[in-house]
Amino acid sequence: MDTFALVVTIGVALFFTYTNGFHDSANAIATSVSTRALTPRAALAMAAVMNLAGAFLGSGVAKTVSEGLIQTPEGSKGMGILFAALVGAITWNMVTWYFGLPSSSSHALFGGMVGAALAGGTTVYWSGVLEKIIIPMFVSPLVGMAVGYLVMTAIMWIFRRSNPHKAKRGFRIAQTVSAAGMALGHGLQDAQKTMGIVVMALVIADVEDYGDPIPVWVKILCAVMLSLGTYAGGWRIMRTLGRKIIELDPPQGFAAETTGASIMFTTAFLFKAPISTTHVITSAIMGVGATKRVNAVRWGVAKNIILGWFITMPAAATVAATSFWIVNLAFL
């Protein structure tokens, strides 16, 4: 029964990674597709490959997720807590995907972990949640918006005397590089979050100990599922990011992607903070768009997106807590 619970929990974790892939594929490629720098299928294939590569670049984010947010629960109850956390995250991913809202899969997972832990009587490390989740949740969009604005302003100044048509052609080519950087950063950040959950499940089942290196098979499975989900594509969210916030041209797309990729690599390697790729790229698009004129950004759409960010963790936590109570009644 313990082995069955472990296999089911890992399977659900991998399915979460798949939903993360198609939910967040827009983060990496929406700007490139909307500016016609890449065709949708070519962009998705590139993003899938770079997501796969990014998953092998580090393990700091995985360590934060597996050790820094909640106390590792024990036994069958602990596996039930992890299962419920994943159900909460998957449910919120599906709801926001249906409505085309680019919400954070990462914060859905963190909300699910906190909600399930509270329902199951497991200690939540609130200092870790505050430092690694809540503060970056507020800071990263502000940084993304500010840096996006500055990068786009610099591009406009550097290329102020260039032929507009030649410049746009050049930036379309450059966008293939910046989009690849975004996808690599997404793999680095988001594949590791699921690795952290799988490692926690292995520790609960006494298969692994904390401090052991992440098994290669865990890295491969998480990376492959994220890539498959990415290739499936999240067209509803792609339309929101690529068209509904602002109509992007190639220089703006390049600026937004370069900003997003830079922030993701910095936070992963320097701070080991599992930030939301959705928050970063969306805010970077807003900052880039504001260089044209402030009212060029459709702030009504932006407001709905930001509102979704604030309710993601509580909503996923509520679903996860409810799921744990059901699992507890039925199986524990």
C-alpha atoms as a PDB file:
ATOM      1  CA  MET A   1       0.000   0.000   0.000  1.00  0.00           C
ATOM      2  CA  ASP A   2       2.892   2.370   0.841  1.00  0.00           C
ATOM      3  CA  THR A   3       4.526   1.647  -2.514  1.00  0.00           C
ATOM      4  CA  PHE A   4       1.208   2.206  -4.291  1.00  0.00           C
ATOM      5  CA  ALA A   5       0.749   5.554  -2.523  1.00  0.00           C
ATOM      6  CA  LEU A   6       4.278   6.600  -3.533  1.00  0.00           C
ATOM      7  CA  VAL A   7       3.724   5.654  -7.181  1.00  0.00           C
ATOM      8  CA  VAL A   8       0.358   7.469  -7.289  1.00  0.00           C
ATOM      9  CA  THR A   9       1.821  10.608  -5.683  1.00  0.00           C
ATOM     10  CA  ILE A  10       4.758  10.692  -8.103  1.00  0.00           C
ATOM     11  CA  GLY A  11       2.346  10.127 -10.999  1.00  0.00           C
ATOM     12  CA  VAL A  12       0.183  13.064  -9.876  1.00  0.00           C
ATOM     13  CA  ALA A  13       3.337  15.195  -9.458  1.00  0.00           C
ATOM     14  CA  LEU A  14       4.345  14.417 -13.030  1.00  0.00           C
ATOM     15  CA  PHE A  15       0.842  15.269 -14.253  1.00  0.00           C
ATOM     16  CA  PHE A  16       1.146  18.596 -12.415  1.00  0.00           C
ATOM     17  CA  THR A  17       4.410  19.181 -14.316  1.00  0.00           C
ATOM     18  CA  TYR A  18       2.588  18.456 -17.575  1.00  0.00           C
ATOM     19  CA  THR A  19      -0.151  21.005 -16.742  1.00  0.00           C
ATOM     20  CA  ASN A  20       2.595  23.426 -15.721  1.00  0.00           C
ATOM     21  CA  GLY A  21       4.144  22.956 -19.175  1.00  0.00           C
ATOM     22  CA  PHE A  22       1.046  23.723 -21.234  1.00  0.00           C
ATOM     23  CA  HIS A  23      -0.098  26.388 -18.768  1.00  0.00           C
ATOM     24  CA  ASP A  24       3.250  28.214 -18.849  1.00  0.00           C
ATOM     25  CA  SER A  25       4.383  27.547 -22.422  1.00  0.00           C
ATOM     26  CA  ALA A  26       2.970  30.975 -23.240  1.00  0.00           C
ATOM     27  CA  ASN A  27       5.516  32.548 -20.886  1.00  0.00           C
ATOM     28  CA  ALA A  28       8.395  31.524 -23.110  1.00  0.00           C
ATOM     29  CA  ILE A  29       6.978  31.946 -26.591  1.00  0.00           C
ATOM     30  CA  ALA A  30       3.891  34.197 -26.630  1.00  0.00           C
ATOM     31  CA  THR A  31       5.885  37.304 -27.503  1.00  0.00           C
ATOM     32  CA  SER A  32       7.856  35.533 -30.265  1.00  0.00           C
ATOM     33  CA  VAL A  33       4.697  34.119 -31.813  1.00  0.00           C
ATOM     34  CA  SER A  34       2.753  37.390 -31.572  1.00  0.00           C
ATOM     35  CA  THR A  35       5.552  39.314 -33.329  1.00  0.00           C
ATOM     36  CA  ARG A  36       5.835  36.508 -35.938  1.00  0.00           C
ATOM     37  CA  ALA A  37       9.488  35.961 -35.071  1.00  0.00           C
ATOM     38  CA  LEU A  38       8.673  32.242 -34.827  1.00  0.00           C
ATOM     39  CA  THR A  39       5.817  30.072 -36.049  1.00  0.00           C
ATOM     40  CA  PRO A  40       3.752  28.565 -33.212  1.00  0.00           C
ATOM     41  CA  ARG A  41       4.956  24.980 -33.750  1.00  0.00           C
ATOM     42  CA  ALA A  42       8.609  25.974 -34.186  1.00  0.00           C
ATOM     43  CA  ALA A  43       8.378  28.096 -31.038  1.00  0.00           C
ATOM     44  CA  LEU A  44       6.802  25.253 -29.048  1.00  0.00           C
ATOM     45  CA  ALA A  45       9.415  22.741 -30.246  1.00  0.00           C
ATOM     46  CA  MET A  46      12.232  25.115 -29.310  1.00  0.00           C
ATOM     47  CA  ALA A  47      10.658  25.823 -25.913  1.00  0.00           C
ATOM     48  CA  ALA A  48      10.229  22.088 -25.215  1.00  0.00           C
ATOM     49  CA  VAL A  49      13.909  21.374 -25.966  1.00  0.00           C
ATOM     50  CA  MET A  50      15.150  24.327 -23.897  1.00  0.00           C
ATOM     51  CA  ASN A  51      12.838  23.416 -20.997  1.00  0.00           C
ATOM     52  CA  LEU A  52      14.407  19.949 -21.047  1.00  0.00           C
ATOM     53  CA  ALA A  53      17.910  21.427 -20.972  1.00  0.00           C
ATOM     54  CA  GLY A  54      17.070  23.962 -18.264  1.00  0.00           C
ATOM     55  CA  ALA A  55      15.905  21.246 -15.891  1.00  0.00           C
ATOM     56  CA  PHE A  56      19.473  19.970 -15.559  1.00  0.00           C
ATOM     57  CA  LEU A  57      21.140  23.305 -14.776  1.00  0.00           C
ATOM     58  CA  GLY A  58      20.743  23.338 -10.993  1.00  0.00           C
ATOM     59  CA  SER A  59      18.987  22.037  -7.893  1.00  0.00           C
ATOM     60  CA  GLY A  60      18.774  25.029  -5.520  1.00  0.00           C
ATOM     61  CA  VAL A  61      15.105  25.709  -6.234  1.00  0.00           C
ATOM     62  CA  ALA A  62      14.231  22.018  -5.707  1.00  0.00           C
ATOM     63  CA  LYS A  63      15.956  22.102  -2.300  1.00  0.00           C
ATOM     64  CA  THR A  64      13.915  25.180  -1.287  1.00  0.00           C
ATOM     65  CA  VAL A  65      10.647  23.478  -2.269  1.00  0.00           C
ATOM     66  CA  SER A  66      11.431  20.153  -0.594  1.00  0.00           C
ATOM     67  CA  GLU A  67      12.929  21.498   2.645  1.00  0.00           C
ATOM     68  CA  GLY A  68      12.162  25.190   3.109  1.00  0.00           C
ATOM     69  CA  LEU A  69       8.365  25.575   3.058  1.00  0.00           C
ATOM     70  CA  ILE A  70       6.747  22.848   5.157  1.00  0.00           C
ATOM     71  CA  GLN A  71       8.020  20.240   7.591  1.00  0.00           C
ATOM     72  CA  THR A  72       8.360  16.908   5.849  1.00  0.00           C
ATOM     73  CA  PRO A  73       5.256  14.939   6.880  1.00  0.00           C
ATOM     74  CA  GLU A  74       5.584  11.267   7.728  1.00  0.00           C
ATOM     75  CA  GLY A  75       3.936   7.986   6.775  1.00  0.00           C
ATOM     76  CA  SER A  76       0.723   7.517   4.831  1.00  0.00           C
ATOM     77  CA  LYS A  77      -0.638  10.782   6.210  1.00  0.00           C
ATOM     78  CA  GLY A  78       2.380  12.594   4.804  1.00  0.00           C
ATOM     79  CA  MET A  79       1.818  11.077   1.371  1.00  0.00           C
ATOM     80  CA  GLY A  80      -1.831  12.137   1.609  1.00  0.00           C
ATOM     81  CA  ILE A  81      -0.717  15.712   2.305  1.00  0.00           C
ATOM     82  CA  LEU A  82       1.517  15.756  -0.782  1.00  0.00           C
ATOM     83  CA  PHE A  83      -1.231  14.216  -2.919  1.00  0.00           C
ATOM     84  CA  ALA A  84      -3.753  16.837  -1.750  1.00  0.00           C
ATOM     85  CA  ALA A  85      -1.254  19.676  -2.374  1.00  0.00           C
ATOM     86  CA  LEU A  86      -0.834  18.533  -5.971  1.00  0.00           C
ATOM     87  CA  VAL A  87      -4.596  18.202  -6.499  1.00  0.00           C
ATOM     88  CA  GLY A  88      -5.030  21.792  -5.329  1.00  0.00           C
ATOM     89  CA  ALA A  89      -2.341  23.031  -7.722  1.00  0.00           C
ATOM     90  CA  ILE A  90      -3.637  21.048 -10.706  1.00  0.00           C
ATOM     91  CA  THR A  91      -7.215  22.215 -10.118  1.00  0.00           C
ATOM     92  CA  TRP A  92      -6.179  25.871 -10.080  1.00  0.00           C
ATOM     93  CA  ASN A  93      -4.024  25.394 -13.202  1.00  0.00           C
ATOM     94  CA  MET A  94      -6.978  23.952 -15.093  1.00  0.00           C
ATOM     95  CA  VAL A  95      -9.393  26.681 -13.960  1.00  0.00           C
ATOM     96  CA  THR A  96      -7.063  29.544 -14.951  1.00  0.00           C
ATOM     97  CA  TRP A  97      -6.126  27.825 -18.234  1.00  0.00           C
ATOM     98  CA  TYR A  98      -9.825  27.540 -19.108  1.00  0.00           C
ATOM     99  CA  PHE A  99     -10.326  31.278 -18.614  1.00  0.00           C
ATOM    100  CA  GLY A 100      -7.052  32.174 -20.350  1.00  0.00           C
ATOM    101  CA  LEU A 101      -5.523  33.790 -17.264  1.00  0.00           C
ATOM    102  CA  PRO A 102      -1.716  33.610 -16.995  1.00  0.00           C
ATOM    103  CA  SER A 103      -1.654  32.743 -13.300  1.00  0.00           C
ATOM    104  CA  SER A 104       1.312  31.173 -11.553  1.00  0.00           C
ATOM    105  CA  SER A 105       1.607  27.375 -11.520  1.00  0.00           C
ATOM    106  CA  SER A 106       4.364  27.828  -8.954  1.00  0.00           C
ATOM    107  CA  HIS A 107       2.176  29.723  -6.500  1.00  0.00           C
ATOM    108  CA  ALA A 108      -0.642  27.237  -7.089  1.00  0.00           C
ATOM    109  CA  LEU A 109       1.784  24.515  -5.945  1.00  0.00           C
ATOM    110  CA  PHE A 110       2.976  26.520  -2.935  1.00  0.00           C
ATOM    111  CA  GLY A 111      -0.597  27.364  -1.957  1.00  0.00           C
ATOM    112  CA  GLY A 112      -1.502  23.696  -2.258  1.00  0.00           C
ATOM    113  CA  MET A 113       1.420  22.690  -0.035  1.00  0.00           C
ATOM    114  CA  VAL A 114       0.506  25.213   2.661  1.00  0.00           C
ATOM    115  CA  GLY A 115      -3.224  24.366   2.573  1.00  0.00           C
ATOM    116  CA  ALA A 116      -2.653  20.612   2.728  1.00  0.00           C
ATOM    117  CA  ALA A 117      -0.041  20.997   5.496  1.00  0.00           C
ATOM    118  CA  LEU A 118      -2.396  23.093   7.628  1.00  0.00           C
ATOM    119  CA  ALA A 119      -5.259  20.631   7.090  1.00  0.00           C
ATOM    120  CA  GLY A 120      -2.982  17.714   7.982  1.00  0.00           C
ATOM    121  CA  GLY A 121      -1.490  19.324  11.081  1.00  0.00           C
ATOM    122  CA  THR A 122       2.003  19.634   9.603  1.00  0.00           C
ATOM    123  CA  THR A 123       4.224  22.588  10.501  1.00  0.00           C
ATOM    124  CA  VAL A 124       4.439  25.354   7.909  1.00  0.00           C
ATOM    125  CA  TYR A 125       7.747  27.240   7.882  1.00  0.00           C
ATOM    126  CA  TRP A 126       6.193  30.684   7.673  1.00  0.00           C
ATOM    127  CA  SER A 127       9.571  32.439   7.593  1.00  0.00           C
ATOM    128  CA  GLY A 128      10.489  30.367   4.523  1.00  0.00           C
ATOM    129  CA  VAL A 129       7.116  31.048   2.902  1.00  0.00           C
ATOM    130  CA  LEU A 130       7.558  34.773   3.547  1.00  0.00           C
ATOM    131  CA  GLU A 131      11.179  35.033   2.391  1.00  0.00           C
ATOM    132  CA  LYS A 132      11.112  32.629  -0.560  1.00  0.00           C
ATOM    133  CA  ILE A 133       7.509  32.994  -1.779  1.00  0.00           C
ATOM    134  CA  ILE A 134       5.579  36.051  -0.558  1.00  0.00           C
ATOM    135  CA  ILE A 135       8.322  38.696  -0.812  1.00  0.00           C
ATOM    136  CA  PRO A 136       9.478  37.530  -4.288  1.00  0.00           C
ATOM    137  CA  MET A 137       5.800  37.423  -5.348  1.00  0.00           C
ATOM    138  CA  PHE A 138       5.568  41.181  -4.748  1.00  0.00           C
ATOM    139  CA  VAL A 139       9.121  42.159  -5.681  1.00  0.00           C
ATOM    140  CA  SER A 140       9.633  40.180  -8.911  1.00  0.00           C
ATOM    141  CA  PRO A 141       6.760  41.825 -10.863  1.00  0.00           C
ATOM    142  CA  LEU A 142       7.952  45.288  -9.798  1.00  0.00           C
ATOM    143  CA  VAL A 143      11.495  44.428 -10.853  1.00  0.00           C
ATOM    144  CA  GLY A 144      10.205  42.908 -14.091  1.00  0.00           C
ATOM    145  CA  MET A 145       8.204  46.010 -14.930  1.00  0.00           C
ATOM    146  CA  ALA A 146      11.032  48.418 -14.064  1.00  0.00           C
ATOM    147  CA  VAL A 147      13.760  46.447 -15.857  1.00  0.00           C
ATOM    148  CA  GLY A 148      11.523  45.872 -18.887  1.00  0.00           C
ATOM    149  CA  TYR A 149      10.899  49.611 -19.100  1.00  0.00           C
ATOM    150  CA  LEU A 150      14.621  50.413 -18.804  1.00  0.00           C
ATOM    151  CA  VAL A 151      15.731  47.751 -21.313  1.00  0.00           C
ATOM    152  CA  MET A 152      13.182  48.960 -23.876  1.00  0.00           C
ATOM    153  CA  THR A 153      14.164  52.595 -23.273  1.00  0.00           C
ATOM    154  CA  ALA A 154      17.820  51.682 -23.877  1.00  0.00           C
ATOM    155  CA  ILE A 155      16.925  49.822 -27.093  1.00  0.00           C
ATOM    156  CA  MET A 156      14.917  52.802 -28.353  1.00  0.00           C
ATOM    157  CA  TRP A 157      17.845  55.139 -27.657  1.00  0.00           C
ATOM    158  CA  ILE A 158      20.529  52.868 -29.170  1.00  0.00           C
ATOM    159  CA  PHE A 159      18.537  52.246 -32.350  1.00  0.00           C
ATOM    160  CA  ARG A 160      16.987  55.721 -32.600  1.00  0.00           C
ATOM    161  CA  ARG A 161      18.704  56.424 -35.962  1.00  0.00           C
ATOM    162  CA  SER A 162      18.287  52.916 -37.416  1.00  0.00           C
ATOM    163  CA  ASN A 163      16.015  52.038 -40.298  1.00  0.00           C
ATOM    164  CA  PRO A 164      12.813  50.802 -38.564  1.00  0.00           C
ATOM    165  CA  HIS A 165      12.217  47.936 -41.022  1.00  0.00           C
ATOM    166  CA  LYS A 166      15.808  46.660 -40.794  1.00  0.00           C
ATOM    167  CA  ALA A 167      15.761  46.969 -37.011  1.00  0.00           C
ATOM    168  CA  LYS A 168      12.531  44.960 -36.756  1.00  0.00           C
ATOM    169  CA  ARG A 169      13.976  42.240 -38.996  1.00  0.00           C
ATOM    170  CA  GLY A 170      17.066  42.059 -36.801  1.00  0.00           C
ATOM    171  CA  PHE A 171      15.040  41.863 -33.620  1.00  0.00           C
ATOM    172  CA  ARG A 172      12.905  39.068 -35.063  1.00  0.00           C
ATOM    173  CA  ILE A 173      16.105  37.026 -35.405  1.00  0.00           C
ATOM    174  CA  ALA A 174      17.282  38.117 -31.940  1.00  0.00           C
ATOM    175  CA  GLN A 175      13.969  36.990 -30.489  1.00  0.00           C
ATOM    176  CA  THR A 176      14.777  33.369 -31.263  1.00  0.00           C
ATOM    177  CA  VAL A 177      17.685  33.715 -28.813  1.00  0.00           C
ATOM    178  CA  SER A 178      15.729  35.615 -26.147  1.00  0.00           C
ATOM    179  CA  ALA A 179      12.797  33.176 -26.377  1.00  0.00           C
ATOM    180  CA  ALA A 180      15.238  30.278 -25.983  1.00  0.00           C
ATOM    181  CA  GLY A 181      16.629  32.013 -22.880  1.00  0.00           C
ATOM    182  CA  MET A 182      13.122  32.343 -21.452  1.00  0.00           C
ATOM    183  CA  ALA A 183      12.409  28.653 -22.060  1.00  0.00           C
ATOM    184  CA  LEU A 184      15.748  27.648 -20.527  1.00  0.00           C
ATOM    185  CA  GLY A 185      14.960  29.759 -17.439  1.00  0.00           C
ATOM    186  CA  HIS A 186      11.479  28.237 -17.244  1.00  0.00           C
ATOM    187  CA  GLY A 187      12.963  24.728 -17.249  1.00  0.00           C
ATOM    188  CA  LEU A 188      15.496  25.768 -14.613  1.00  0.00           C
ATOM    189  CA  GLN A 189      12.776  27.148 -12.342  1.00  0.00           C
ATOM    190  CA  ASP A 190       9.680  25.034 -12.889  1.00  0.00           C
ATOM    191  CA  ALA A 191      11.055  21.529 -13.434  1.00  0.00           C
ATOM    192  CA  GLN A 192      12.932  21.862 -10.143  1.00  0.00           C
ATOM    193  CA  LYS A 193       9.735  22.654  -8.248  1.00  0.00           C
ATOM    194  CA  THR A 194       8.302  19.247  -9.138  1.00  0.00           C
ATOM    195  CA  MET A 195      11.657  17.612  -8.424  1.00  0.00           C
ATOM    196  CA  GLY A 196      11.364  19.024  -4.899  1.00  0.00           C
ATOM    197  CA  ILE A 197       7.928  17.420  -4.457  1.00  0.00           C
ATOM    198  CA  VAL A 198       9.106  14.042  -5.786  1.00  0.00           C
ATOM    199  CA  VAL A 199      12.147  14.136  -3.484  1.00  0.00           C
ATOM    200  CA  MET A 200       9.836  14.863  -0.539  1.00  0.00           C
ATOM    201  CA  ALA A 201       7.691  11.862  -1.513  1.00  0.00           C
ATOM    202  CA  LEU A 202      10.789   9.632  -1.700  1.00  0.00           C
ATOM    203  CA  VAL A 203      11.926  10.825   1.744  1.00  0.00           C
ATOM    204  CA  ILE A 204       8.470  10.127   3.235  1.00  0.00           C
ATOM    205  CA  ALA A 205       8.633   6.611   1.754  1.00  0.00           C
ATOM    206  CA  ASP A 206      12.180   6.094   3.178  1.00  0.00           C
ATOM    207  CA  VAL A 207      13.575   5.600  -0.316  1.00  0.00           C
ATOM    208  CA  GLU A 208      15.831   8.676  -0.113  1.00  0.00           C
ATOM    209  CA  ASP A 209      17.352  10.828   2.635  1.00  0.00           C
ATOM    210  CA  TYR A 210      17.589  14.598   2.631  1.00  0.00           C
ATOM    211  CA  GLY A 211      21.033  15.665   1.504  1.00  0.00           C
ATOM    212  CA  ASP A 212      21.211  12.943  -1.146  1.00  0.00           C
ATOM    213  CA  PRO A 213      21.617  14.242  -4.701  1.00  0.00           C
ATOM    214  CA  ILE A 214      18.407  14.332  -6.735  1.00  0.00           C
ATOM    215  CA  PRO A 215      18.186  10.981  -8.578  1.00  0.00           C
ATOM    216  CA  VAL A 216      18.852  11.279 -12.298  1.00  0.00           C
ATOM    217  CA  TRP A 217      15.604   9.491 -13.126  1.00  0.00           C
ATOM    218  CA  VAL A 218      13.660  12.153 -11.192  1.00  0.00           C
ATOM    219  CA  LYS A 219      15.340  14.923 -13.201  1.00  0.00           C
ATOM    220  CA  ILE A 220      14.668  13.136 -16.487  1.00  0.00           C
ATOM    221  CA  LEU A 221      11.005  12.381 -15.753  1.00  0.00           C
ATOM    222  CA  CYS A 222      10.253  15.936 -14.543  1.00  0.00           C
ATOM    223  CA  ALA A 223      12.094  17.492 -17.478  1.00  0.00           C
ATOM    224  CA  VAL A 224      10.387  15.267 -20.053  1.00  0.00           C
ATOM    225  CA  MET A 225       6.891  15.868 -18.652  1.00  0.00           C
ATOM    226  CA  LEU A 226       7.463  19.627 -18.560  1.00  0.00           C
ATOM    227  CA  SER A 227       8.665  19.507 -22.164  1.00  0.00           C
ATOM    228  CA  LEU A 228       5.702  17.402 -23.314  1.00  0.00           C
ATOM    229  CA  GLY A 229       3.306  19.812 -21.618  1.00  0.00           C
ATOM    230  CA  THR A 230       5.082  22.761 -23.199  1.00  0.00           C
ATOM    231  CA  TYR A 231       4.807  21.212 -26.656  1.00  0.00           C
ATOM    232  CA  ALA A 232       1.083  20.628 -26.105  1.00  0.00           C
ATOM    233  CA  GLY A 233       0.789  24.425 -25.967  1.00  0.00           C
ATOM    234  CA  GLY A 234      -1.428  26.730 -23.962  1.00  0.00           C
ATOM    235  CA  TRP A 235      -3.111  28.686 -26.739  1.00  0.00           C
ATOM    236  CA  ARG A 236      -5.693  30.427 -24.554  1.00  0.00           C
ATOM    237  CA  ILE A 237      -3.056  31.979 -22.322  1.00  0.00           C
ATOM    238  CA  MET A 238      -0.785  32.692 -25.283  1.00  0.00           C
ATOM    239  CA  ARG A 239      -3.441  34.971 -26.771  1.00  0.00           C
ATOM    240  CA  THR A 240      -3.701  36.888 -23.496  1.00  0.00           C
ATOM    241  CA  LEU A 241       0.043  37.415 -23.143  1.00  0.00           C
ATOM    242  CA  GLY A 242       0.793  38.010 -26.810  1.00  0.00           C
ATOM    243  CA  ARG A 243      -2.111  40.232 -27.813  1.00  0.00           C
ATOM    244  CA  LYS A 244      -4.492  41.271 -25.054  1.00  0.00           C
ATOM    245  CA  ILE A 245      -2.081  43.164 -22.770  1.00  0.00           C
ATOM    246  CA  ILE A 246      -0.446  45.088 -25.626  1.00  0.00           C
ATOM    247  CA  GLU A 247       0.309  44.550 -29.313  1.00  0.00           C
ATOM    248  CA  LEU A 248       4.044  43.831 -29.289  1.00  0.00           C
ATOM    249  CA  ASP A 249       6.581  44.488 -32.041  1.00  0.00           C
ATOM    250  CA  PRO A 250       9.894  42.537 -32.295  1.00  0.00           C
ATOM    251  CA  PRO A 251      12.056  45.015 -30.296  1.00  0.00           C
ATOM    252  CA  GLN A 252       9.465  45.012 -27.495  1.00  0.00           C
ATOM    253  CA  GLY A 253       9.251  41.213 -27.554  1.00  0.00           C
ATOM    254  CA  PHE A 254      13.039  40.941 -27.355  1.00  0.00           C
ATOM    255  CA  ALA A 255      13.177  43.391 -24.440  1.00  0.00           C
ATOM    256  CA  ALA A 256      10.451  41.537 -22.497  1.00  0.00           C
ATOM    257  CA  GLU A 257      12.004  38.094 -23.022  1.00  0.00           C
ATOM    258  CA  THR A 258      15.527  39.279 -22.188  1.00  0.00           C
ATOM    259  CA  THR A 259      14.229  40.878 -18.990  1.00  0.00           C
ATOM    260  CA  GLY A 260      12.292  37.763 -17.954  1.00  0.00           C
ATOM    261  CA  ALA A 261      15.167  35.355 -18.648  1.00  0.00           C
ATOM    262  CA  SER A 262      17.687  37.506 -16.770  1.00  0.00           C
ATOM    263  CA  ILE A 263      15.500  37.684 -13.646  1.00  0.00           C
ATOM    264  CA  MET A 264      14.805  33.926 -13.658  1.00  0.00           C
ATOM    265  CA  PHE A 265      18.484  32.976 -13.896  1.00  0.00           C
ATOM    266  CA  THR A 266      19.468  35.511 -11.229  1.00  0.00           C
ATOM    267  CA  THR A 267      16.867  34.348  -8.705  1.00  0.00           C
ATOM    268  CA  ALA A 268      17.543  30.637  -9.329  1.00  0.00           C
ATOM    269  CA  PHE A 269      21.332  30.776  -9.028  1.00  0.00           C
ATOM    270  CA  LEU A 270      21.860  33.598  -6.514  1.00  0.00           C
ATOM    271  CA  PHE A 271      18.842  33.346  -4.204  1.00  0.00           C
ATOM    272  CA  LYS A 272      17.551  29.792  -4.901  1.00  0.00           C
ATOM    273  CA  ALA A 273      14.104  31.409  -4.856  1.00  0.00           C
ATOM    274  CA  PRO A 274      11.311  29.648  -6.774  1.00  0.00           C
ATOM    275  CA  ILE A 275       9.813  32.702  -8.463  1.00  0.00           C
ATOM    276  CA  SER A 276       6.899  32.713 -10.876  1.00  0.00           C
ATOM    277  CA  THR A 277       7.890  32.862 -14.549  1.00  0.00           C
ATOM    278  CA  THR A 278       4.339  34.077 -15.225  1.00  0.00           C
ATOM    279  CA  HIS A 279       4.693  37.079 -12.937  1.00  0.00           C
ATOM    280  CA  VAL A 280       8.062  38.028 -14.402  1.00  0.00           C
ATOM    281  CA  ILE A 281       7.215  37.874 -18.114  1.00  0.00           C
ATOM    282  CA  THR A 282       3.777  39.465 -17.699  1.00  0.00           C
ATOM    283  CA  SER A 283       5.161  42.398 -15.721  1.00  0.00           C
ATOM    284  CA  ALA A 284       8.062  42.748 -18.183  1.00  0.00           C
ATOM    285  CA  ILE A 285       5.542  43.011 -21.042  1.00  0.00           C
ATOM    286  CA  MET A 286       3.684  45.729 -19.103  1.00  0.00           C
ATOM    287  CA  GLY A 287       6.928  47.640 -18.476  1.00  0.00           C
ATOM    288  CA  VAL A 288       8.011  47.366 -22.100  1.00  0.00           C
ATOM    289  CA  GLY A 289       4.577  48.446 -23.314  1.00  0.00           C
ATOM    290  CA  ALA A 290       4.573  51.496 -21.052  1.00  0.00           C
ATOM    291  CA  THR A 291       7.534  52.955 -22.999  1.00  0.00           C
ATOM    292  CA  LYS A 292       5.218  53.506 -25.945  1.00  0.00           C
ATOM    293  CA  ARG A 293       2.747  55.372 -23.773  1.00  0.00           C
ATOM    294  CA  VAL A 294       1.186  54.428 -20.468  1.00  0.00           C
ATOM    295  CA  ASN A 295      -2.294  53.934 -21.897  1.00  0.00           C
ATOM    296  CA  ALA A 296      -0.930  51.623 -24.617  1.00  0.00           C
ATOM    297  CA  VAL A 297      -1.104  48.852 -22.013  1.00  0.00           C
ATOM    298  CA  ARG A 298      -4.602  47.464 -21.565  1.00  0.00           C
ATOM    299  CA  TRP A 299      -4.650  47.969 -17.824  1.00  0.00           C
ATOM    300  CA  GLY A 300      -8.104  46.406 -17.476  1.00  0.00           C
ATOM    301  CA  VAL A 301      -6.702  43.080 -18.695  1.00  0.00           C
ATOM    302  CA  ALA A 302      -3.617  43.603 -16.529  1.00  0.00           C
ATOM    303  CA  LYS A 303      -5.821  44.231 -13.480  1.00  0.00           C
ATOM    304  CA  ASN A 304      -7.642  40.920 -13.967  1.00  0.00           C
ATOM    305  CA  ILE A 305      -4.328  39.093 -14.294  1.00  0.00           C
ATOM    306  CA  ILE A 306      -2.889  40.689 -11.145  1.00  0.00           C
ATOM    307  CA  LEU A 307      -6.089  39.911  -9.230  1.00  0.00           C
ATOM    308  CA  GLY A 308      -5.631  36.278 -10.257  1.00  0.00           C
ATOM    309  CA  TRP A 309      -2.104  36.355  -8.833  1.00  0.00           C
ATOM    310  CA  PHE A 310      -3.375  37.415  -5.412  1.00  0.00           C
ATOM    311  CA  ILE A 311      -6.062  34.752  -5.178  1.00  0.00           C
ATOM    312  CA  THR A 312      -3.946  31.873  -6.574  1.00  0.00           C
ATOM    313  CA  MET A 313      -2.356  30.759  -3.296  1.00  0.00           C
ATOM    314  CA  PRO A 314      -5.522  31.006  -1.130  1.00  0.00           C
ATOM    315  CA  ALA A 315      -7.622  29.283  -3.813  1.00  0.00           C
ATOM    316  CA  ALA A 316      -5.154  26.418  -4.311  1.00  0.00           C
ATOM    317  CA  ALA A 317      -4.751  26.116  -0.517  1.00  0.00           C
ATOM    318  CA  THR A 318      -8.525  25.804  -0.067  1.00  0.00           C
ATOM    319  CA  VAL A 319      -8.825  23.083  -2.733  1.00  0.00           C
ATOM    320  CA  ALA A 320      -5.822  21.248  -1.257  1.00  0.00           C
ATOM    321  CA  ALA A 321      -7.219  21.371   2.293  1.00  0.00           C
ATOM    322  CA  THR A 322     -10.573  20.050   1.069  1.00  0.00           C
ATOM    323  CA  SER A 323      -8.790  17.299  -0.889  1.00  0.00           C
ATOM    324  CA  PHE A 324      -6.834  16.249   2.196  1.00  0.00           C
ATOM    325  CA  TRP A 325      -9.984  15.991   4.292  1.00  0.00           C
ATOM    326  CA  ILE A 326     -11.560  13.780   1.617  1.00  0.00           C
ATOM    327  CA  VAL A 327      -8.424  11.596   1.339  1.00  0.00           C
ATOM    328  CA  ASN A 328      -8.201  11.414   5.131  1.00  0.00           C
ATOM    329  CA  LEU A 329     -11.812  10.249   5.442  1.00  0.00           C
ATOM    330  CA  ALA A 330     -11.563   7.750   2.600  1.00  0.00           C
ATOM    331  CA  PHE A 331      -8.126   6.185   3.028  1.00  0.00           C
ATOM    332  CA  LEU A 332      -6.254   7.285   6.158  1.00  0.00           C
END
